[in-house]
Structure formats: structure tokens, C-alpha cells
Protein backbone atom coordinates (compact mmCIF):
# COMPACT_ATOMS: atom_id res chain seq x y z
CA MET A 1 -34.80 -59.12 -12.91
CA THR A 2 -33.29 -57.84 -16.15
CA ASN A 3 -35.34 -54.66 -15.87
CA VAL A 4 -33.71 -53.96 -12.48
CA ILE A 5 -30.22 -54.58 -13.83
CA ILE A 6 -30.89 -52.27 -16.87
CA PHE A 7 -32.27 -49.64 -14.47
CA VAL A 8 -29.23 -49.82 -12.19
CA VAL A 9 -26.81 -49.68 -15.15
CA CYS A 10 -28.63 -46.66 -16.65
CA LEU A 11 -28.73 -44.94 -13.30
CA THR A 12 -24.96 -45.55 -12.79
CA ILE A 13 -24.17 -44.25 -16.26
CA GLY A 14 -26.38 -41.23 -15.75
CA LEU A 15 -24.65 -40.38 -12.46
CA ILE A 16 -21.18 -40.74 -14.02
CA VAL A 17 -22.15 -38.52 -16.98
CA ALA A 18 -23.69 -35.92 -14.65
CA ARG A 19 -20.60 -35.92 -12.48
CA LEU A 20 -18.32 -35.43 -15.53
CA ILE A 21 -20.42 -32.61 -16.85
CA THR A 22 -20.62 -30.70 -13.57
CA LYS A 23 -16.99 -31.29 -12.65
CA LYS A 24 -15.33 -27.87 -12.48
CA SER A 25 -11.72 -27.38 -13.46
CA VAL A 26 -9.47 -26.65 -10.47
CA GLN A 27 -7.93 -23.21 -10.70
CA THR A 28 -5.51 -21.98 -8.16
CA LYS A 29 -6.26 -18.45 -6.97
CA SER A 30 -3.39 -16.03 -7.01
CA SER A 31 -2.47 -14.57 -3.66
CA ASN A 32 -3.14 -10.92 -3.01
CA TYR A 33 0.60 -10.36 -2.76
CA LYS A 34 1.10 -11.66 -6.30
CA ILE A 35 -1.77 -9.68 -7.69
CA TYR A 36 -0.44 -6.42 -6.20
CA SER A 37 3.23 -7.13 -6.87
CA ASN A 38 2.50 -7.77 -10.57
CA SER A 39 0.81 -4.39 -10.93
CA PRO A 40 3.15 -1.56 -12.08
CA LEU A 41 1.33 0.86 -9.78
CA PHE A 42 3.08 -0.70 -6.78
CA HIS A 43 6.59 -0.40 -8.10
CA SER A 44 8.65 2.68 -7.40
CA ASP A 45 10.06 2.83 -10.93
CA TYR A 46 6.49 3.43 -12.26
CA TYR A 47 6.43 6.89 -10.71
CA PRO A 48 8.65 9.77 -11.97
CA ILE A 49 11.35 10.96 -9.66
CA ASN A 50 11.37 14.53 -8.21
CA VAL A 51 8.13 15.69 -9.76
CA GLU A 52 6.52 18.62 -8.13
CA VAL A 53 2.72 18.48 -7.84
CA ASN A 54 0.70 21.52 -8.96
CA ARG A 55 -1.07 22.46 -5.69
CA GLN A 56 -3.86 24.20 -7.59
CA LEU A 57 -4.83 21.03 -9.41
CA TYR A 58 -4.16 18.51 -6.65
CA GLN A 59 -5.72 18.42 -3.24
CA PRO A 60 -4.45 15.68 -0.89
CA VAL A 61 -7.01 13.34 0.57
CA ALA A 62 -5.51 13.59 4.05
CA GLU A 63 -2.96 15.69 5.94
CA TRP A 64 -0.56 12.70 5.74
CA SER A 65 -0.69 10.50 2.63
CA GLY A 66 1.66 8.22 0.79
CA ARG A 67 1.95 4.64 -0.40
CA LEU A 68 2.76 1.26 1.12
CA ILE A 69 5.86 -0.52 -0.05
CA LEU A 70 5.45 -4.29 0.07
CA PRO A 71 8.39 -6.39 1.32
CA PRO A 72 9.68 -9.25 -0.89
CA GLU A 73 7.35 -12.25 -0.95
CA ASN A 74 9.75 -14.49 1.06
CA ASN A 75 9.96 -11.86 3.85
CA HIS A 76 7.47 -12.88 6.52
CA GLU A 77 7.85 -9.91 8.85
CA ARG A 78 4.61 -8.33 9.96
CA PHE A 79 5.15 -4.83 8.68
CA VAL A 80 5.29 -2.76 5.46
CA GLU A 81 7.12 0.41 4.70
CA PHE A 82 5.19 3.65 4.16
CA GLU A 83 6.53 6.29 1.75
CA VAL A 84 5.26 9.73 2.76
CA GLN A 85 4.20 11.84 -0.21
CA ASN A 86 2.23 14.58 1.64
CA ALA A 87 2.82 15.81 5.10
CA PRO A 88 2.08 19.02 6.94
CA LYS A 89 4.84 21.62 7.13
CA PHE A 90 7.05 21.12 10.14
CA THR A 91 6.70 23.76 12.81
CA TYR A 92 8.98 23.63 15.78
CA ALA A 93 7.21 23.30 19.10
CA PRO A 94 9.46 23.49 22.10
CA TYR A 95 9.24 20.64 24.48
CA TRP A 96 8.69 21.97 28.04
């Protein structure tokens, strides 16, 4: 009978120790909004104002390109602003 009690006690202690060793610390994952809003790349003051791009060195990736401007975190509207940085030259086409 004592062997059974010793076995149960050892098994219980072993399970408790195993649980404590494998217990992972709880870390809260940052939201994508916080990750991107903390990056200076997504703030307008990171970019210089009124800088002309050397067209021989830079080729745009698309006819229209720009950057997304995230709204404040507490704004729950379902849109973002888009700042146009490259666009085709405007040509007037009459509307018939």
C-alpha cells in the first residue's frame, strides 16, 4: 500500500514539475496597426518635402504609385487615405 502512495506522490510531483517547466510566458502580440504606426517609414515627417526624383535613376513600379496613410488608431472607419506620388501626365480627353 505504501508503494502505491509513494508512486502516486512521485507521479503528482513529476506532473507538477513538468507543467512548471513547460509553462510558457504569456506575451501579448502587438497589433499590425501598432507595428506600422511605430515605424518612421509610415509618418509623413520622415520624408523630405518637395524633393524632385531623378527620373534617370528612379523608375516607378506602376503607372500610379504612392503610399497609404493610416487613420488614427481610435478611428474605426473602413478606409485609408492614399497619397499619390507618381501618376501619368494628365491629357484632356473631351467627353462626347
